[in-house]
N, C-alpha and C. Protein backbone atom coordinates (compact mmCIF):
# COMPACT_ATOMS: atom_id res chain seq x y z
N MET A 1 88.94 95.01 54.14
CA MET A 1 89.30 94.27 55.23
C MET A 1 89.29 92.85 55.01
N ALA A 2 90.61 92.41 55.34
CA ALA A 2 90.84 90.95 55.36
C ALA A 2 91.11 90.20 56.57
N LEU A 3 90.94 88.93 56.71
CA LEU A 3 91.32 88.11 57.81
C LEU A 3 92.69 87.68 57.80
N ILE A 4 93.57 87.83 58.51
CA ILE A 4 94.89 87.31 58.64
C ILE A 4 95.29 86.28 59.70
N GLN A 5 96.33 85.62 59.66
CA GLN A 5 96.47 84.76 60.91
C GLN A 5 97.60 85.40 61.86
N CYS A 6 97.32 85.44 63.05
CA CYS A 6 97.90 86.15 64.14
C CYS A 6 99.48 85.19 64.24
N LYS A 7 100.60 85.89 64.23
CA LYS A 7 101.92 85.03 64.31
C LYS A 7 102.11 84.44 65.73
N GLU A 8 101.42 84.85 66.71
CA GLU A 8 101.69 84.33 67.99
C GLU A 8 100.81 83.09 68.28
N CYS A 9 99.49 83.27 68.27
CA CYS A 9 98.41 82.35 68.54
C CYS A 9 97.95 81.73 67.33
N LYS A 10 98.33 82.12 66.29
CA LYS A 10 97.56 81.41 64.93
C LYS A 10 96.14 81.63 64.89
N GLY A 11 95.61 82.61 65.64
CA GLY A 11 94.03 82.83 65.52
C GLY A 11 93.74 83.65 64.38
N GLN A 12 92.46 83.77 63.89
CA GLN A 12 91.95 84.89 62.79
C GLN A 12 91.79 86.23 63.28
N VAL A 13 92.55 87.19 62.73
CA VAL A 13 92.47 88.44 63.10
C VAL A 13 92.14 89.51 61.84
N SER A 14 91.50 90.59 62.08
CA SER A 14 91.36 91.53 61.04
C SER A 14 92.56 92.03 60.61
N ASP A 15 92.98 92.39 59.39
CA ASP A 15 94.23 93.21 59.05
C ASP A 15 94.15 94.62 59.50
N LEU A 16 93.09 95.26 59.69
CA LEU A 16 92.93 96.65 60.39
C LEU A 16 93.13 96.71 62.00
N ALA A 17 92.98 95.30 62.62
CA ALA A 17 93.14 95.53 64.02
C ALA A 17 94.65 95.74 64.55
N ALA A 18 94.71 96.45 65.60
CA ALA A 18 96.04 97.10 66.08
C ALA A 18 96.73 95.68 67.01
N THR A 19 95.74 94.92 67.56
CA THR A 19 96.35 93.90 68.36
C THR A 19 95.48 92.62 68.19
N CYS A 20 95.84 91.43 68.46
CA CYS A 20 95.41 90.31 68.42
C CYS A 20 94.12 90.13 69.54
N PRO A 21 92.83 89.84 69.27
CA PRO A 21 92.07 89.83 70.37
C PRO A 21 92.18 88.75 71.20
N HIS A 22 92.94 87.77 70.80
CA HIS A 22 93.08 86.49 71.58
C HIS A 22 94.25 86.58 72.38
N CYS A 23 95.57 86.99 71.95
CA CYS A 23 96.60 87.14 72.82
C CYS A 23 97.16 88.35 72.91
N GLY A 24 96.70 89.39 72.32
CA GLY A 24 97.22 90.69 72.50
C GLY A 24 98.49 91.27 71.83
N ALA A 25 98.78 90.39 70.93
CA ALA A 25 100.04 90.64 70.18
C ALA A 25 99.76 91.58 69.02
N PRO A 26 100.83 92.33 68.65
CA PRO A 26 100.52 93.48 67.65
C PRO A 26 100.43 92.86 66.34
N VAL A 27 99.42 93.31 65.45
CA VAL A 27 99.14 92.69 64.19
C VAL A 27 99.08 93.61 63.13
N GLY A 28 99.74 93.20 61.97
CA GLY A 28 99.78 93.84 60.68
C GLY A 28 99.92 95.47 60.66
N GLN A 29 99.05 96.04 59.68
CA GLN A 29 99.14 97.39 59.42
C GLN A 29 98.51 98.19 60.45
N GLY A 30 97.16 97.57 61.21
CA GLY A 30 96.63 98.46 62.30
C GLY A 30 97.63 98.48 63.37
N ALA A 31 98.55 97.65 63.76
CA ALA A 31 99.42 97.96 64.74
C ALA A 31 100.29 99.06 64.25
N LEU A 32 100.78 99.19 63.22
CA LEU A 32 101.74 100.04 62.70
C LEU A 32 101.02 101.53 62.89
N ALA A 33 99.74 101.47 62.29
CA ALA A 33 98.88 102.85 62.36
C ALA A 33 98.75 103.31 63.65
N ALA A 34 98.30 102.26 64.62
CA ALA A 34 98.12 102.48 66.13
C ALA A 34 99.35 103.41 66.70
N GLN A 35 100.48 102.62 66.43
CA GLN A 35 101.68 103.17 66.92
C GLN A 35 102.15 104.52 66.33
N ALA A 36 101.95 104.78 64.95
CA ALA A 36 102.18 106.17 64.60
C ALA A 36 101.28 107.20 65.19
N GLY A 37 99.92 106.69 65.30
CA GLY A 37 98.98 107.65 65.86
C GLY A 37 99.31 107.92 67.33
N ALA A 38 99.82 106.93 68.10
CA ALA A 38 100.18 107.14 69.57
C ALA A 38 101.33 108.15 69.68
N SER A 39 102.33 107.93 68.74
CA SER A 39 103.55 108.78 68.92
C SER A 39 103.33 110.26 68.51
N ALA A 40 102.54 110.40 67.49
CA ALA A 40 101.90 111.91 66.96
C ALA A 40 101.16 112.44 68.00
N SER A 41 100.30 111.79 68.88
CA SER A 41 99.44 112.37 69.71
C SER A 41 100.01 112.64 71.02
N ALA A 42 101.02 111.96 71.38
CA ALA A 42 101.74 111.80 72.67
C ALA A 42 102.52 113.15 72.69
N PRO A 43 102.24 114.00 74.04
CA PRO A 43 103.04 115.15 74.00
C PRO A 43 104.59 114.92 74.29
N SER A 44 105.34 115.81 73.79
CA SER A 44 106.70 115.63 73.95
C SER A 44 107.25 115.87 75.37
N ALA A 45 108.50 115.58 75.65
CA ALA A 45 108.95 115.64 77.07
C ALA A 45 109.00 117.08 77.54
N SER A 46 109.51 117.86 76.62
CA SER A 46 109.37 119.44 77.07
C SER A 46 108.21 119.93 77.03
N ALA A 47 107.40 119.56 76.35
CA ALA A 47 105.91 120.14 76.60
C ALA A 47 105.33 119.56 77.88
N LYS A 48 105.56 118.25 78.24
CA LYS A 48 104.94 117.76 79.58
C LYS A 48 105.72 118.47 80.79
N SER A 49 106.88 118.74 80.68
CA SER A 49 107.57 119.32 81.87
C SER A 49 107.18 120.83 81.92
N LYS A 50 106.84 121.62 81.08
CA LYS A 50 106.46 122.86 80.97
C LYS A 50 104.88 122.83 81.72
N GLY A 51 104.03 121.87 81.37
CA GLY A 51 102.78 121.99 81.89
C GLY A 51 102.52 121.30 83.38
N SER A 52 103.59 120.64 83.81
CA SER A 52 103.72 119.97 85.06
C SER A 52 103.88 120.90 86.08
N THR A 53 102.72 121.21 86.91
CA THR A 53 102.87 122.14 88.07
C THR A 53 102.42 121.75 89.26
N TRP A 54 102.50 120.24 89.51
CA TRP A 54 101.99 119.64 90.72
C TRP A 54 102.91 120.01 91.90
N TRP A 55 104.11 120.03 91.68
CA TRP A 55 105.07 120.33 92.69
C TRP A 55 104.86 121.73 93.28
N LEU A 56 104.27 122.71 92.68
CA LEU A 56 103.91 124.09 93.07
C LEU A 56 102.86 123.93 94.27
N TRP A 57 102.01 123.02 93.92
CA TRP A 57 100.88 122.83 95.00
C TRP A 57 101.57 122.14 96.37
N ILE A 58 102.56 121.59 96.28
CA ILE A 58 103.27 121.07 97.60
C ILE A 58 104.13 122.16 98.12
N LEU A 59 104.90 122.65 97.14
CA LEU A 59 106.01 123.59 97.72
C LEU A 59 105.45 124.89 98.18
N ILE A 60 104.42 125.42 97.72
CA ILE A 60 103.86 126.70 98.17
C ILE A 60 103.30 126.49 99.66
N PRO A 61 102.52 125.54 100.01
CA PRO A 61 102.04 125.28 101.41
C PRO A 61 103.21 125.18 102.48
N VAL A 62 104.12 124.50 102.00
CA VAL A 62 105.42 124.34 102.70
C VAL A 62 105.94 125.35 103.19
N LEU A 63 106.33 126.30 102.02
CA LEU A 63 106.88 127.63 102.29
C LEU A 63 106.20 128.56 103.20
N LEU A 64 105.05 128.56 103.04
CA LEU A 64 103.99 129.31 103.86
C LEU A 64 104.17 128.91 105.23
N PHE A 65 104.20 127.63 105.67
CA PHE A 65 104.10 127.14 106.97
C PHE A 65 105.60 127.56 107.30
N VAL A 66 106.57 127.43 106.84
CA VAL A 66 108.01 127.78 107.26
C VAL A 66 107.89 129.26 107.58
N ALA A 67 107.44 129.99 106.57
CA ALA A 67 107.31 131.52 107.09
C ALA A 67 106.68 131.97 108.32
N PHE A 68 105.37 131.07 108.50
CA PHE A 68 104.63 131.23 109.65
C PHE A 68 105.48 130.93 110.87
N LEU A 69 106.21 129.87 110.83
CA LEU A 69 107.01 129.56 112.07
C LEU A 69 107.93 130.56 112.26
N ILE A 70 108.46 130.91 111.25
CA ILE A 70 109.91 132.00 111.53
C ILE A 70 109.13 133.35 112.18
N PHE A 71 107.94 133.73 111.58
CA PHE A 71 107.38 134.90 112.00
C PHE A 71 106.93 134.61 113.60
N GLY A 72 106.35 133.63 113.64
CA GLY A 72 105.91 133.20 115.18
C GLY A 72 107.14 133.32 116.26
N ALA A 73 108.20 132.88 115.73
CA ALA A 73 109.27 132.95 116.71
C ALA A 73 110.00 134.23 116.89
N THR A 74 109.89 135.15 115.73
CA THR A 74 110.54 136.40 115.94
C THR A 74 109.48 137.20 116.80
N VAL A 75 108.28 137.04 116.53
CA VAL A 75 107.17 137.91 117.36
C VAL A 75 107.22 137.49 118.83
N GLY A 76 107.39 136.37 119.06
CA GLY A 76 107.53 135.85 120.50
C GLY A 76 108.53 136.42 121.35
N GLU A 77 109.49 137.14 120.77
CA GLU A 77 110.77 137.39 121.36
C GLU A 77 110.63 139.13 121.58
N THR A 78 109.49 139.80 121.15
CA THR A 78 109.52 141.22 121.49
C THR A 78 109.45 141.42 123.02
N PRO A 79 109.79 142.78 123.32
CA PRO A 79 109.80 143.07 124.90
C PRO A 79 108.49 143.08 125.39
N GLU A 80 107.48 143.35 124.73
CA GLU A 80 105.98 143.21 125.12
C GLU A 80 105.73 141.76 125.41
N ALA A 81 106.14 140.81 124.67
CA ALA A 81 105.99 139.43 124.89
C ALA A 81 106.71 138.99 126.17
N ARG A 82 107.93 139.48 126.38
CA ARG A 82 108.53 139.05 127.54
C ARG A 82 108.02 139.56 128.82
N GLU A 83 107.56 140.83 128.57
CA GLU A 83 107.00 141.29 129.72
C GLU A 83 105.53 140.61 130.21
N LYS A 84 105.09 140.29 129.20
CA LYS A 84 103.68 139.39 129.43
C LYS A 84 103.85 138.13 129.96
N GLN A 85 104.88 137.42 129.60
CA GLN A 85 105.22 136.22 130.11
C GLN A 85 105.82 136.30 131.46
N LYS A 86 106.55 137.38 131.84
CA LYS A 86 106.91 137.55 133.23
C LYS A 86 105.79 137.80 134.31
N ALA A 87 104.66 138.48 133.62
CA ALA A 87 103.51 138.85 134.54
C ALA A 87 102.91 137.65 134.66
N ARG A 88 102.86 136.66 133.74
CA ARG A 88 102.10 135.22 133.79
C ARG A 88 102.76 134.54 134.96
N GLU A 89 104.15 134.37 134.92
CA GLU A 89 104.89 133.63 135.95
C GLU A 89 104.75 134.29 137.22
N VAL A 90 104.49 135.58 137.43
CA VAL A 90 104.45 136.31 138.77
C VAL A 90 102.94 135.82 139.28
N ILE A 91 101.98 135.85 138.43
CA ILE A 91 100.80 135.48 138.98
C ILE A 91 100.64 134.10 139.32
N LYS A 92 101.31 133.22 138.68
CA LYS A 92 101.46 131.70 138.87
C LYS A 92 102.16 131.43 140.33
N LEU A 93 103.30 132.13 140.39
CA LEU A 93 103.97 131.95 141.79
C LEU A 93 103.17 132.56 142.92
N CYS A 94 102.30 133.64 142.62
CA CYS A 94 101.58 134.18 143.71
C CYS A 94 100.44 133.09 144.27
N TRP A 95 99.73 132.44 143.06
CA TRP A 95 98.96 131.46 143.52
C TRP A 95 99.48 130.16 144.13
N GLN A 96 100.86 129.81 143.72
CA GLN A 96 101.40 128.80 144.61
C GLN A 96 101.78 129.33 146.09
N ASP A 97 102.09 130.53 146.18
CA ASP A 97 102.31 130.84 147.47
C ASP A 97 101.05 130.88 148.45
N GLN A 98 99.95 131.27 147.64
CA GLN A 98 98.73 131.20 148.48
C GLN A 98 98.19 129.72 148.85
N SER A 99 98.73 128.84 148.25
CA SER A 99 98.05 127.37 148.53
C SER A 99 99.01 126.68 149.34
N ARG A 100 100.04 127.40 149.91
CA ARG A 100 100.85 126.79 150.90
C ARG A 100 100.06 126.52 152.18
N LYS A 101 100.23 125.35 152.81
CA LYS A 101 99.50 124.93 154.19
C LYS A 101 99.96 125.77 155.35
N SER A 102 101.10 126.26 155.10
CA SER A 102 101.67 126.94 156.35
C SER A 102 101.27 128.24 156.71
N LEU A 103 100.74 128.96 155.62
CA LEU A 103 100.09 130.00 155.77
C LEU A 103 98.81 130.29 156.74
N PRO A 104 98.69 131.12 157.59
CA PRO A 104 97.37 131.29 158.42
C PRO A 104 96.18 131.65 157.48
N PRO A 105 95.03 131.47 157.82
CA PRO A 105 93.78 131.82 157.09
C PRO A 105 93.56 133.12 156.60
N ASP A 106 94.03 134.14 157.51
CA ASP A 106 93.89 135.66 157.11
C ASP A 106 94.76 135.87 156.03
N THR A 107 96.10 135.51 156.23
CA THR A 107 97.28 135.67 155.32
C THR A 107 96.88 135.06 153.97
N ALA A 108 96.37 133.86 153.92
CA ALA A 108 96.05 133.13 152.71
C ALA A 108 94.89 134.06 151.99
N ARG A 109 94.22 134.70 152.63
CA ARG A 109 93.02 135.38 151.96
C ARG A 109 93.59 136.77 151.40
N ILE A 110 94.36 137.31 152.13
CA ILE A 110 95.13 138.38 151.62
C ILE A 110 95.91 138.13 150.39
N VAL A 111 96.60 137.08 150.41
CA VAL A 111 97.59 136.59 149.26
C VAL A 111 96.71 136.36 148.20
N ALA A 112 95.42 135.63 148.24
CA ALA A 112 94.48 135.42 147.38
C ALA A 112 93.99 136.61 146.71
N SER A 113 93.73 137.54 147.42
CA SER A 113 93.09 138.93 146.88
C SER A 113 94.21 139.72 146.15
N MET A 114 95.51 139.51 146.47
CA MET A 114 96.53 140.05 145.77
C MET A 114 96.63 139.50 144.40
N CYS A 115 96.51 138.21 144.31
CA CYS A 115 96.67 137.37 143.12
C CYS A 115 95.61 137.70 142.21
N GLU A 116 94.33 137.77 142.75
CA GLU A 116 93.25 138.15 141.87
C GLU A 116 93.55 139.62 141.40
N LYS A 117 94.04 140.59 142.11
CA LYS A 117 94.32 141.91 141.60
C LYS A 117 95.28 141.85 140.49
N MET A 118 96.27 141.12 140.62
CA MET A 118 97.32 140.99 139.65
C MET A 118 96.61 140.40 138.25
N GLU A 119 95.63 139.42 138.46
CA GLU A 119 95.06 138.81 137.15
C GLU A 119 94.21 140.03 136.68
N ASP A 120 93.43 140.72 137.36
CA ASP A 120 92.52 141.83 136.90
C ASP A 120 93.53 142.93 136.21
N ASP A 121 94.63 143.26 136.69
CA ASP A 121 95.44 144.16 136.03
C ASP A 121 96.02 143.71 134.85
N PHE A 122 96.40 142.33 134.74
CA PHE A 122 96.92 141.70 133.49
C PHE A 122 95.66 141.78 132.55
N ARG A 123 94.29 141.44 132.74
CA ARG A 123 93.39 141.54 131.79
C ARG A 123 93.26 142.83 131.09
N ALA A 124 93.25 143.81 132.12
CA ALA A 124 93.23 145.18 131.61
C ALA A 124 94.24 145.53 130.82
N LYS A 125 95.46 145.25 131.21
CA LYS A 125 96.68 145.72 130.20
C LYS A 125 96.62 144.78 128.88
N TYR A 126 96.49 143.63 128.94
CA TYR A 126 96.76 142.65 127.75
C TYR A 126 95.59 142.21 127.04
N ARG A 127 94.38 142.51 127.64
CA ARG A 127 93.09 142.03 127.07
C ARG A 127 93.09 140.63 126.75
N SER A 128 93.69 139.88 127.70
CA SER A 128 93.69 138.29 127.63
C SER A 128 93.63 137.80 129.01
N ASN A 129 93.22 136.54 129.31
CA ASN A 129 93.48 136.00 130.62
C ASN A 129 94.91 135.53 130.65
N PRO A 130 95.41 135.54 131.90
CA PRO A 130 96.90 135.21 132.08
C PRO A 130 97.01 133.48 132.13
C-alpha cells in the first residue's frame, strides 16, 4: 500500500482506495477494482425485469375491484332485485300518503296500519328491512 496524490484536490490517498476521501474523485487501481466489482455484481437488465413483480401487486387488486363492480351491476338487474326495489318504492309512497295533512285521523291510522303490514310482508319475504 502506497500513498499517491489525488489528481483533483492534490491530497494524499491510498492507492488501494476507490475514491479520494477529501473530494470523492476516483483514484488509481482501487477505483478500477471497485468499478469491475460493481459491474460484476450488478444484475443484468433481463434478470432485473424477470424478478420485478411490483406491478402485479397493483394490477391484481385493480382487476378484482373492476370484476366486483361488474358483478354488482349485473346482480342488481335480476328480476328479484327489481321486484324488491318496487316493493320498497310502494312502501315509501304509502308512508308519504299517510303523512298528508288532508287525511282524517281515522283514515291516517288505517293507512299507517297498511304501510306497517307491507313492511312486515317485505321482511318476511326478503329477510331484510325495506
